[in-house]
Amino acid sequence: MTHSGMSRRVFTLGTLASTAALAACGNGIGSRGSVTIDARVNATLEEMYRSYPNTRSLAQKADGMLVMPLVTEAGLGLGGAYGRGALQVNGATVDYYSVVKGSGGLQIGAQQFAHVLFFMTNEALMDFRRSPGWAAGADLEYVISDKGDSVAADTTTTLSPVLAAVFARAGLRLGATLEGTKYTRIIP
């Protein structure tokens, strides 16, 4: 088999595996409705506060939080991720968002995780809300490490305009990061 034939096969298999994994998961694709998203957001916040108590003080200091209760990521050569969540300001939901991520390279497997973005300044929150499609970059400061350890929320950490907590992983794929992830406002 030629290299180009193998590349097409890997591309096709990766696309099919990603699509099937995303469609088969319980991430709410097709179950439209703000009630479902809000219930999942509340459960996610309760889990985060219980598992990582220092995130409660971050939430109190934040101007807003984007809560993505369930993001499903899958890949075989090519990969993708999808999830839906809500932006909360002062404890109330103000908007709903979807998250989409695409990736390529040596990868195989699937995983599910939750994440919360803490907007620590009003400027960062307003930039996010005004953007037609905000993309997370390498400049995010993670407050929960890849091993699930909680990082202390000290003054140095809270100087970052956007902080991220990634937790509650399940699956067989390594390296959940938010780099290259795009968030778009939706109407559930």
N, C-alpha and C. Protein backbone atom coordinates (compact mmCIF):
# COMPACT_ATOMS: atom_id res chain seq x y z
N MET A 1 0.84 -1.17 0.00
CA MET A 1 0.00 0.00 0.00
C MET A 1 0.89 1.24 0.00
N THR A 2 0.51 2.22 -0.78
CA THR A 2 1.30 3.44 -0.88
C THR A 2 1.09 4.32 0.33
N HIS A 3 2.00 5.26 0.49
CA HIS A 3 1.90 6.20 1.61
C HIS A 3 0.61 7.02 1.53
N SER A 4 0.23 7.46 0.32
CA SER A 4 -0.99 8.27 0.18
C SER A 4 -2.23 7.43 0.44
N GLY A 5 -2.19 6.15 0.07
CA GLY A 5 -3.31 5.26 0.37
C GLY A 5 -3.46 5.05 1.87
N MET A 6 -2.34 4.93 2.56
CA MET A 6 -2.36 4.78 4.01
C MET A 6 -2.86 6.07 4.67
N SER A 7 -2.45 7.21 4.16
CA SER A 7 -2.87 8.50 4.72
C SER A 7 -4.37 8.67 4.58
N ARG A 8 -4.91 8.31 3.42
CA ARG A 8 -6.36 8.42 3.22
C ARG A 8 -7.10 7.47 4.16
N ARG A 9 -6.56 6.28 4.34
CA ARG A 9 -7.20 5.32 5.23
C ARG A 9 -7.19 5.82 6.67
N VAL A 10 -6.05 6.33 7.12
CA VAL A 10 -5.97 6.87 8.47
C VAL A 10 -6.92 8.05 8.63
N PHE A 11 -6.98 8.92 7.63
CA PHE A 11 -7.90 10.06 7.66
C PHE A 11 -9.34 9.58 7.78
N THR A 12 -9.73 8.64 6.93
CA THR A 12 -11.10 8.14 6.92
C THR A 12 -11.45 7.45 8.24
N LEU A 13 -10.56 6.58 8.71
CA LEU A 13 -10.81 5.89 9.97
C LEU A 13 -10.86 6.86 11.14
N GLY A 14 -9.97 7.83 11.14
CA GLY A 14 -9.96 8.83 12.21
C GLY A 14 -11.25 9.64 12.24
N THR A 15 -11.70 10.05 11.07
CA THR A 15 -12.93 10.82 10.97
C THR A 15 -14.12 9.99 11.44
N LEU A 16 -14.21 8.75 10.98
CA LEU A 16 -15.32 7.88 11.37
C LEU A 16 -15.29 7.58 12.87
N ALA A 17 -14.12 7.29 13.41
CA ALA A 17 -14.01 6.99 14.83
C ALA A 17 -14.38 8.20 15.67
N SER A 18 -13.92 9.37 15.28
CA SER A 18 -14.22 10.59 16.03
C SER A 18 -15.71 10.88 15.99
N THR A 19 -16.31 10.78 14.81
CA THR A 19 -17.73 11.05 14.67
C THR A 19 -18.55 10.07 15.48
N ALA A 20 -18.22 8.79 15.40
CA ALA A 20 -18.97 7.77 16.14
C ALA A 20 -18.83 7.97 17.65
N ALA A 21 -17.64 8.24 18.10
CA ALA A 21 -17.42 8.42 19.54
C ALA A 21 -18.15 9.64 20.06
N LEU A 22 -18.12 10.72 19.30
CA LEU A 22 -18.81 11.93 19.74
C LEU A 22 -20.32 11.75 19.72
N ALA A 23 -20.83 11.05 18.72
CA ALA A 23 -22.28 10.85 18.63
C ALA A 23 -22.78 9.88 19.70
N ALA A 24 -21.95 8.93 20.09
CA ALA A 24 -22.39 7.90 21.03
C ALA A 24 -22.29 8.32 22.49
N CYS A 25 -21.60 9.40 22.77
CA CYS A 25 -21.38 9.79 24.15
C CYS A 25 -22.58 10.55 24.70
N GLY A 26 -22.61 10.71 25.99
CA GLY A 26 -23.70 11.41 26.65
C GLY A 26 -23.40 12.88 26.83
N ASN A 27 -22.89 13.56 25.83
CA ASN A 27 -22.53 14.96 26.02
C ASN A 27 -23.65 15.92 25.66
N GLY A 28 -24.81 15.42 25.39
CA GLY A 28 -25.94 16.30 25.17
C GLY A 28 -26.15 16.70 23.73
N ILE A 29 -25.43 16.12 22.78
CA ILE A 29 -25.67 16.44 21.39
C ILE A 29 -27.08 15.96 21.07
N GLY A 30 -27.90 16.84 20.61
CA GLY A 30 -29.27 16.47 20.27
C GLY A 30 -30.24 16.68 21.41
N SER A 31 -29.78 16.74 22.64
CA SER A 31 -30.71 16.99 23.75
C SER A 31 -30.69 18.48 24.06
N ARG A 32 -31.32 19.23 23.22
CA ARG A 32 -31.32 20.69 23.33
C ARG A 32 -32.08 21.10 24.57
N GLY A 33 -31.66 22.21 25.12
CA GLY A 33 -32.42 22.77 26.21
C GLY A 33 -31.56 23.32 27.31
N SER A 34 -31.91 24.53 27.71
CA SER A 34 -31.15 25.19 28.76
C SER A 34 -31.31 24.50 30.10
N VAL A 35 -32.43 23.84 30.33
CA VAL A 35 -32.64 23.15 31.61
C VAL A 35 -31.61 22.04 31.79
N THR A 36 -31.36 21.27 30.75
CA THR A 36 -30.37 20.20 30.80
C THR A 36 -28.97 20.76 31.04
N ILE A 37 -28.61 21.80 30.29
CA ILE A 37 -27.28 22.40 30.45
C ILE A 37 -27.12 22.95 31.86
N ASP A 38 -28.13 23.69 32.34
CA ASP A 38 -28.05 24.28 33.69
C ASP A 38 -27.89 23.22 34.77
N ALA A 39 -28.61 22.11 34.65
CA ALA A 39 -28.50 21.03 35.64
C ALA A 39 -27.09 20.45 35.63
N ARG A 40 -26.53 20.26 34.44
CA ARG A 40 -25.16 19.71 34.33
C ARG A 40 -24.13 20.71 34.85
N VAL A 41 -24.34 21.99 34.59
CA VAL A 41 -23.42 23.03 35.09
C VAL A 41 -23.42 23.02 36.62
N ASN A 42 -24.59 22.98 37.23
CA ASN A 42 -24.67 22.97 38.70
C ASN A 42 -24.00 21.74 39.29
N ALA A 43 -24.22 20.58 38.70
CA ALA A 43 -23.59 19.35 39.18
C ALA A 43 -22.07 19.41 39.03
N THR A 44 -21.60 19.99 37.93
CA THR A 44 -20.16 20.12 37.70
C THR A 44 -19.52 21.04 38.72
N LEU A 45 -20.17 22.17 39.01
CA LEU A 45 -19.63 23.09 40.01
C LEU A 45 -19.58 22.44 41.39
N GLU A 46 -20.63 21.71 41.75
CA GLU A 46 -20.63 21.01 43.04
C GLU A 46 -19.48 20.01 43.13
N GLU A 47 -19.25 19.25 42.06
CA GLU A 47 -18.16 18.28 42.02
C GLU A 47 -16.80 18.98 42.12
N MET A 48 -16.64 20.07 41.40
CA MET A 48 -15.37 20.80 41.43
C MET A 48 -15.09 21.35 42.83
N TYR A 49 -16.09 21.97 43.45
CA TYR A 49 -15.89 22.53 44.79
C TYR A 49 -15.61 21.44 45.82
N ARG A 50 -16.25 20.29 45.66
CA ARG A 50 -16.03 19.18 46.59
C ARG A 50 -14.63 18.57 46.40
N SER A 51 -14.22 18.38 45.16
CA SER A 51 -12.94 17.74 44.88
C SER A 51 -11.75 18.69 45.00
N TYR A 52 -11.96 19.95 44.69
CA TYR A 52 -10.88 20.95 44.69
C TYR A 52 -11.37 22.19 45.43
N PRO A 53 -11.37 22.15 46.76
CA PRO A 53 -11.97 23.24 47.56
C PRO A 53 -11.42 24.63 47.26
N ASN A 54 -10.14 24.74 46.85
CA ASN A 54 -9.60 26.09 46.60
C ASN A 54 -10.24 26.76 45.39
N THR A 55 -10.93 26.00 44.54
CA THR A 55 -11.59 26.62 43.39
C THR A 55 -12.78 27.48 43.83
N ARG A 56 -13.30 27.23 45.02
CA ARG A 56 -14.41 28.04 45.53
C ARG A 56 -13.96 29.50 45.70
N SER A 57 -12.74 29.70 46.23
CA SER A 57 -12.26 31.07 46.40
C SER A 57 -11.96 31.72 45.04
N LEU A 58 -11.50 30.93 44.08
CA LEU A 58 -11.31 31.47 42.73
C LEU A 58 -12.65 31.93 42.14
N ALA A 59 -13.67 31.12 42.33
CA ALA A 59 -15.00 31.46 41.81
C ALA A 59 -15.50 32.77 42.43
N GLN A 60 -15.24 32.97 43.72
CA GLN A 60 -15.68 34.19 44.39
C GLN A 60 -14.94 35.42 43.86
N LYS A 61 -13.68 35.25 43.46
CA LYS A 61 -12.87 36.35 42.94
C LYS A 61 -13.11 36.62 41.46
N ALA A 62 -13.61 35.63 40.74
CA ALA A 62 -13.77 35.73 39.28
C ALA A 62 -14.92 36.66 38.91
N ASP A 63 -14.75 37.37 37.80
CA ASP A 63 -15.82 38.21 37.26
C ASP A 63 -16.86 37.36 36.53
N GLY A 64 -16.47 36.16 36.11
CA GLY A 64 -17.37 35.24 35.44
C GLY A 64 -16.70 33.89 35.27
N MET A 65 -17.52 32.86 35.04
CA MET A 65 -17.00 31.50 34.84
C MET A 65 -17.73 30.85 33.67
N LEU A 66 -16.98 30.24 32.80
CA LEU A 66 -17.56 29.42 31.74
C LEU A 66 -17.43 27.97 32.19
N VAL A 67 -18.56 27.29 32.35
CA VAL A 67 -18.57 25.92 32.85
C VAL A 67 -18.98 24.99 31.71
N MET A 68 -18.07 24.07 31.36
CA MET A 68 -18.34 23.06 30.35
C MET A 68 -18.42 21.71 31.07
N PRO A 69 -19.62 21.23 31.37
CA PRO A 69 -19.78 20.03 32.19
C PRO A 69 -19.25 18.75 31.57
N LEU A 70 -19.35 18.62 30.26
CA LEU A 70 -18.93 17.38 29.63
C LEU A 70 -18.43 17.66 28.22
N VAL A 71 -17.13 17.48 28.05
CA VAL A 71 -16.51 17.61 26.74
C VAL A 71 -16.02 16.22 26.36
N THR A 72 -16.41 15.76 25.20
CA THR A 72 -15.98 14.46 24.72
C THR A 72 -14.97 14.68 23.62
N GLU A 73 -13.81 14.02 23.78
CA GLU A 73 -12.71 14.16 22.83
C GLU A 73 -12.33 12.76 22.35
N ALA A 74 -12.22 12.61 21.03
CA ALA A 74 -11.86 11.31 20.46
C ALA A 74 -10.94 11.53 19.26
N GLY A 75 -10.10 10.53 19.00
CA GLY A 75 -9.23 10.66 17.86
C GLY A 75 -8.60 9.35 17.44
N LEU A 76 -8.40 9.24 16.16
CA LEU A 76 -7.63 8.17 15.56
C LEU A 76 -6.95 8.80 14.35
N GLY A 77 -5.74 9.28 14.54
CA GLY A 77 -5.09 10.09 13.52
C GLY A 77 -5.57 11.52 13.60
N LEU A 78 -6.81 11.75 13.19
CA LEU A 78 -7.46 13.05 13.36
C LEU A 78 -8.39 12.93 14.54
N GLY A 79 -8.58 14.04 15.23
CA GLY A 79 -9.45 13.99 16.40
C GLY A 79 -10.32 15.23 16.50
N GLY A 80 -11.24 15.16 17.41
CA GLY A 80 -12.13 16.29 17.65
C GLY A 80 -12.71 16.22 19.03
N ALA A 81 -13.28 17.33 19.45
CA ALA A 81 -13.94 17.40 20.75
C ALA A 81 -15.16 18.29 20.63
N TYR A 82 -16.16 18.02 21.47
CA TYR A 82 -17.38 18.82 21.47
C TYR A 82 -18.00 18.79 22.87
N GLY A 83 -18.61 19.90 23.23
CA GLY A 83 -19.36 19.99 24.48
C GLY A 83 -20.18 21.26 24.50
N ARG A 84 -21.07 21.36 25.49
CA ARG A 84 -21.89 22.55 25.67
C ARG A 84 -21.90 22.94 27.12
N GLY A 85 -22.02 24.23 27.39
CA GLY A 85 -22.03 24.70 28.76
C GLY A 85 -22.61 26.09 28.88
N ALA A 86 -22.34 26.73 30.02
CA ALA A 86 -22.95 28.03 30.31
C ALA A 86 -21.93 28.99 30.90
N LEU A 87 -22.12 30.25 30.59
CA LEU A 87 -21.34 31.33 31.19
C LEU A 87 -22.14 31.89 32.35
N GLN A 88 -21.51 31.91 33.52
CA GLN A 88 -22.16 32.45 34.71
C GLN A 88 -21.45 33.71 35.16
N VAL A 89 -22.25 34.71 35.51
CA VAL A 89 -21.75 35.95 36.09
C VAL A 89 -22.55 36.17 37.37
N ASN A 90 -21.85 36.34 38.48
CA ASN A 90 -22.49 36.49 39.79
C ASN A 90 -23.42 35.32 40.10
N GLY A 91 -23.04 34.11 39.71
CA GLY A 91 -23.80 32.91 40.01
C GLY A 91 -25.02 32.67 39.14
N ALA A 92 -25.27 33.53 38.16
CA ALA A 92 -26.42 33.37 37.28
C ALA A 92 -25.95 33.13 35.85
N THR A 93 -26.65 32.25 35.13
CA THR A 93 -26.32 31.98 33.73
C THR A 93 -26.73 33.17 32.88
N VAL A 94 -25.78 33.65 32.05
CA VAL A 94 -26.06 34.79 31.17
C VAL A 94 -26.03 34.40 29.69
N ASP A 95 -25.31 33.34 29.35
CA ASP A 95 -25.22 32.87 27.97
C ASP A 95 -24.87 31.39 27.97
N TYR A 96 -25.12 30.74 26.81
CA TYR A 96 -24.75 29.35 26.61
C TYR A 96 -23.73 29.27 25.49
N TYR A 97 -22.81 28.30 25.62
CA TYR A 97 -21.71 28.18 24.66
C TYR A 97 -21.49 26.73 24.28
N SER A 98 -20.97 26.55 23.06
CA SER A 98 -20.46 25.24 22.66
C SER A 98 -18.95 25.35 22.56
N VAL A 99 -18.30 24.21 22.68
CA VAL A 99 -16.85 24.15 22.55
C VAL A 99 -16.54 23.12 21.48
N VAL A 100 -15.62 23.47 20.59
CA VAL A 100 -15.21 22.59 19.50
C VAL A 100 -13.69 22.62 19.42
N LYS A 101 -13.11 21.47 19.18
CA LYS A 101 -11.65 21.39 19.03
C LYS A 101 -11.35 20.34 17.98
N GLY A 102 -10.40 20.64 17.13
CA GLY A 102 -9.92 19.68 16.14
C GLY A 102 -8.43 19.48 16.33
N SER A 103 -7.97 18.29 16.06
CA SER A 103 -6.54 18.02 16.22
C SER A 103 -6.10 16.97 15.21
N GLY A 104 -4.82 16.95 14.94
CA GLY A 104 -4.25 15.97 14.04
C GLY A 104 -2.92 15.51 14.57
N GLY A 105 -2.48 14.35 14.13
CA GLY A 105 -1.21 13.82 14.59
C GLY A 105 -1.36 12.41 15.12
N LEU A 106 -0.34 11.96 15.78
CA LEU A 106 -0.35 10.62 16.34
C LEU A 106 -1.23 10.58 17.57
N GLN A 107 -2.43 10.04 17.45
CA GLN A 107 -3.36 9.98 18.56
C GLN A 107 -4.35 8.85 18.34
N ILE A 108 -4.82 8.29 19.42
CA ILE A 108 -5.84 7.25 19.37
C ILE A 108 -6.53 7.21 20.73
N GLY A 109 -7.84 7.05 20.72
CA GLY A 109 -8.58 6.92 21.96
C GLY A 109 -9.66 7.97 22.11
N ALA A 110 -10.30 7.93 23.27
CA ALA A 110 -11.38 8.87 23.58
C ALA A 110 -11.36 9.16 25.07
N GLN A 111 -11.83 10.32 25.43
CA GLN A 111 -11.93 10.69 26.84
C GLN A 111 -13.03 11.72 27.01
N GLN A 112 -13.51 11.82 28.23
CA GLN A 112 -14.49 12.84 28.58
C GLN A 112 -13.95 13.60 29.79
N PHE A 113 -14.18 14.89 29.79
CA PHE A 113 -13.74 15.70 30.92
C PHE A 113 -14.62 16.93 31.02
N ALA A 114 -14.53 17.58 32.16
CA ALA A 114 -15.21 18.85 32.40
C ALA A 114 -14.14 19.92 32.52
N HIS A 115 -14.51 21.15 32.23
CA HIS A 115 -13.58 22.23 32.51
C HIS A 115 -14.34 23.52 32.81
N VAL A 116 -13.66 24.35 33.57
CA VAL A 116 -14.20 25.65 33.95
C VAL A 116 -13.13 26.69 33.64
N LEU A 117 -13.54 27.76 32.98
CA LEU A 117 -12.67 28.90 32.76
C LEU A 117 -13.08 29.99 33.74
N PHE A 118 -12.13 30.49 34.49
CA PHE A 118 -12.36 31.58 35.44
C PHE A 118 -11.86 32.87 34.79
N PHE A 119 -12.73 33.81 34.56
CA PHE A 119 -12.34 35.11 34.02
C PHE A 119 -12.06 36.02 35.21
N MET A 120 -10.78 36.28 35.45
CA MET A 120 -10.35 36.97 36.66
C MET A 120 -10.39 38.49 36.54
N THR A 121 -10.60 38.99 35.34
CA THR A 121 -10.74 40.44 35.15
C THR A 121 -11.98 40.70 34.31
N ASN A 122 -12.57 41.87 34.51
CA ASN A 122 -13.72 42.24 33.73
C ASN A 122 -13.35 42.38 32.25
N GLU A 123 -12.15 42.85 31.98
CA GLU A 123 -11.68 42.99 30.59
C GLU A 123 -11.63 41.64 29.88
N ALA A 124 -11.09 40.62 30.56
CA ALA A 124 -11.03 39.28 29.97
C ALA A 124 -12.44 38.74 29.72
N LEU A 125 -13.34 38.96 30.65
CA LEU A 125 -14.73 38.52 30.49
C LEU A 125 -15.39 39.23 29.32
N MET A 126 -15.21 40.52 29.21
CA MET A 126 -15.82 41.28 28.11
C MET A 126 -15.23 40.89 26.76
N ASP A 127 -13.91 40.65 26.71
CA ASP A 127 -13.30 40.18 25.46
C ASP A 127 -13.92 38.86 25.03
N PHE A 128 -14.13 37.96 25.98
CA PHE A 128 -14.75 36.67 25.69
C PHE A 128 -16.17 36.86 25.17
N ARG A 129 -16.95 37.67 25.86
CA ARG A 129 -18.37 37.85 25.50
C ARG A 129 -18.54 38.57 24.16
N ARG A 130 -17.63 39.47 23.81
CA ARG A 130 -17.73 40.21 22.55
C ARG A 130 -17.26 39.39 21.35
N SER A 131 -16.46 38.38 21.60
CA SER A 131 -15.87 37.61 20.51
C SER A 131 -16.91 36.71 19.85
N PRO A 132 -16.93 36.68 18.49
CA PRO A 132 -17.85 35.77 17.81
C PRO A 132 -17.41 34.31 17.91
N GLY A 133 -16.17 34.07 18.28
CA GLY A 133 -15.64 32.71 18.44
C GLY A 133 -14.31 32.80 19.14
N TRP A 134 -14.31 32.71 20.44
CA TRP A 134 -13.11 32.89 21.26
C TRP A 134 -12.30 31.61 21.27
N ALA A 135 -11.00 31.71 21.01
CA ALA A 135 -10.13 30.53 20.98
C ALA A 135 -9.19 30.56 22.18
N ALA A 136 -9.15 29.44 22.90
CA ALA A 136 -8.23 29.29 24.02
C ALA A 136 -6.83 29.09 23.49
N GLY A 137 -5.87 29.72 24.13
CA GLY A 137 -4.48 29.61 23.67
C GLY A 137 -3.58 29.04 24.73
N ALA A 138 -2.31 29.05 24.42
CA ALA A 138 -1.30 28.49 25.33
C ALA A 138 -1.09 29.37 26.56
N ASP A 139 -1.68 30.56 26.57
CA ASP A 139 -1.48 31.47 27.69
C ASP A 139 -2.43 31.20 28.87
N LEU A 140 -3.28 30.20 28.76
CA LEU A 140 -4.14 29.85 29.89
C LEU A 140 -3.30 29.35 31.05
N GLU A 141 -3.64 29.74 32.24
CA GLU A 141 -2.99 29.25 33.45
C GLU A 141 -3.90 28.17 34.04
N TYR A 142 -3.36 26.96 34.22
CA TYR A 142 -4.16 25.85 34.74
C TYR A 142 -4.07 25.83 36.26
N VAL A 143 -5.21 25.72 36.93
CA VAL A 143 -5.22 25.65 38.39
C VAL A 143 -5.39 24.22 38.89
N ILE A 144 -5.65 23.30 37.98
CA ILE A 144 -5.65 21.88 38.31
C ILE A 144 -4.76 21.22 37.29
N SER A 145 -3.73 20.51 37.77
CA SER A 145 -2.73 19.94 36.87
C SER A 145 -3.25 18.72 36.14
N ASP A 146 -2.45 18.21 35.20
CA ASP A 146 -2.82 17.01 34.43
C ASP A 146 -3.07 15.80 35.32
N LYS A 147 -2.42 15.74 36.47
CA LYS A 147 -2.60 14.61 37.37
C LYS A 147 -3.81 14.81 38.27
N GLY A 148 -4.51 15.94 38.12
CA GLY A 148 -5.68 16.20 38.94
C GLY A 148 -5.34 16.87 40.25
N ASP A 149 -4.07 17.23 40.44
CA ASP A 149 -3.69 17.92 41.67
C ASP A 149 -4.15 19.36 41.60
N SER A 150 -4.62 19.85 42.72
CA SER A 150 -5.08 21.23 42.77
C SER A 150 -3.91 22.14 43.08
N VAL A 151 -3.75 23.16 42.29
CA VAL A 151 -2.68 24.13 42.49
C VAL A 151 -3.21 25.23 43.40
N ALA A 152 -2.38 25.69 44.31
CA ALA A 152 -2.81 26.73 45.24
C ALA A 152 -3.20 28.00 44.49
N ALA A 153 -4.26 28.60 44.89
CA ALA A 153 -4.74 29.84 44.27
C ALA A 153 -4.11 31.02 45.00
N ASP A 154 -2.86 31.23 44.75
CA ASP A 154 -2.17 32.33 45.41
C ASP A 154 -2.25 33.59 44.55
N THR A 155 -1.67 34.67 45.02
CA THR A 155 -1.76 35.93 44.29
C THR A 155 -1.08 35.86 42.94
N THR A 156 -0.04 35.09 42.78
CA THR A 156 0.62 34.97 41.49
C THR A 156 -0.32 34.33 40.47
N THR A 157 -0.97 33.25 40.87
CA THR A 157 -1.89 32.55 39.97
C THR A 157 -3.06 33.44 39.60
N THR A 158 -3.62 34.15 40.58
CA THR A 158 -4.81 34.93 40.30
C THR A 158 -4.53 36.21 39.52
N LEU A 159 -3.27 36.50 39.20
CA LEU A 159 -2.95 37.64 38.34
C LEU A 159 -3.21 37.33 36.87
N SER A 160 -3.33 36.07 36.52
CA SER A 160 -3.63 35.68 35.14
C SER A 160 -5.07 36.08 34.83
N PRO A 161 -5.32 36.63 33.63
CA PRO A 161 -6.69 37.07 33.32
C PRO A 161 -7.69 35.92 33.14
N VAL A 162 -7.21 34.74 32.68
CA VAL A 162 -8.10 33.59 32.51
C VAL A 162 -7.40 32.37 33.10
N LEU A 163 -8.09 31.70 34.02
CA LEU A 163 -7.58 30.47 34.63
C LEU A 163 -8.46 29.31 34.19
N ALA A 164 -7.89 28.11 34.11
CA ALA A 164 -8.63 26.94 33.65
C ALA A 164 -8.49 25.81 34.64
N ALA A 165 -9.59 25.12 34.90
CA ALA A 165 -9.59 23.89 35.68
C ALA A 165 -10.14 22.79 34.79
N VAL A 166 -9.36 21.74 34.56
CA VAL A 166 -9.77 20.59 33.75
C VAL A 166 -9.79 19.40 34.70
N PHE A 167 -10.92 18.70 34.79
CA PHE A 167 -11.05 17.63 35.77
C PHE A 167 -12.10 16.61 35.34
N ALA A 168 -12.29 15.60 36.18
CA ALA A 168 -13.29 14.54 35.98
C ALA A 168 -13.10 13.82 34.66
N ARG A 169 -11.89 13.37 34.41
CA ARG A 169 -11.60 12.68 33.16
C ARG A 169 -11.98 11.21 33.23
N ALA A 170 -12.45 10.71 32.12
CA ALA A 170 -12.70 9.29 31.96
C ALA A 170 -12.33 8.94 30.53
N GLY A 171 -11.63 7.85 30.36
CA GLY A 171 -11.29 7.44 29.00
C GLY A 171 -9.85 7.03 28.87
N LEU A 172 -9.47 6.76 27.64
CA LEU A 172 -8.15 6.22 27.35
C LEU A 172 -7.38 7.11 26.38
N ARG A 173 -7.37 8.40 26.62
CA ARG A 173 -6.64 9.32 25.77
C ARG A 173 -5.90 10.28 26.67
N LEU A 174 -4.64 10.51 26.40
CA LEU A 174 -3.82 11.34 27.27
C LEU A 174 -3.75 12.77 26.76
N GLY A 175 -3.54 13.69 27.68
CA GLY A 175 -3.20 15.05 27.31
C GLY A 175 -4.36 15.98 27.03
N ALA A 176 -5.35 16.05 27.91
CA ALA A 176 -6.43 17.00 27.72
C ALA A 176 -5.91 18.41 27.99
N THR A 177 -5.86 19.21 26.96
CA THR A 177 -5.53 20.62 27.10
C THR A 177 -6.59 21.41 26.36
N LEU A 178 -6.62 22.69 26.61
CA LEU A 178 -7.62 23.52 25.97
C LEU A 178 -7.04 24.35 24.83
N GLU A 179 -5.77 24.17 24.52
CA GLU A 179 -5.15 24.91 23.43
C GLU A 179 -5.85 24.58 22.12
N GLY A 180 -6.17 25.60 21.34
CA GLY A 180 -6.82 25.39 20.06
C GLY A 180 -8.31 25.13 20.16
N THR A 181 -8.87 25.30 21.34
CA THR A 181 -10.29 25.08 21.56
C THR A 181 -11.05 26.36 21.25
N LYS A 182 -12.17 26.25 20.54
CA LYS A 182 -12.96 27.41 20.18
C LYS A 182 -14.32 27.36 20.85
N TYR A 183 -14.69 28.50 21.44
CA TYR A 183 -15.97 28.64 22.15
C TYR A 183 -16.87 29.57 21.35
N THR A 184 -18.12 29.16 21.15
CA THR A 184 -19.07 29.94 20.38
C THR A 184 -20.40 30.01 21.13
N ARG A 185 -20.99 31.20 21.18
CA ARG A 185 -22.29 31.38 21.84
C ARG A 185 -23.35 30.61 21.06
N ILE A 186 -24.25 29.94 21.79
CA ILE A 186 -25.33 29.17 21.16
C ILE A 186 -26.66 29.53 21.80
N ILE A 187 -27.73 29.14 21.15
CA ILE A 187 -29.07 29.22 21.72
C ILE A 187 -29.53 27.77 21.88
N PRO A 188 -29.62 27.28 23.14
CA PRO A 188 -29.96 25.86 23.35
C PRO A 188 -31.39 25.54 22.98
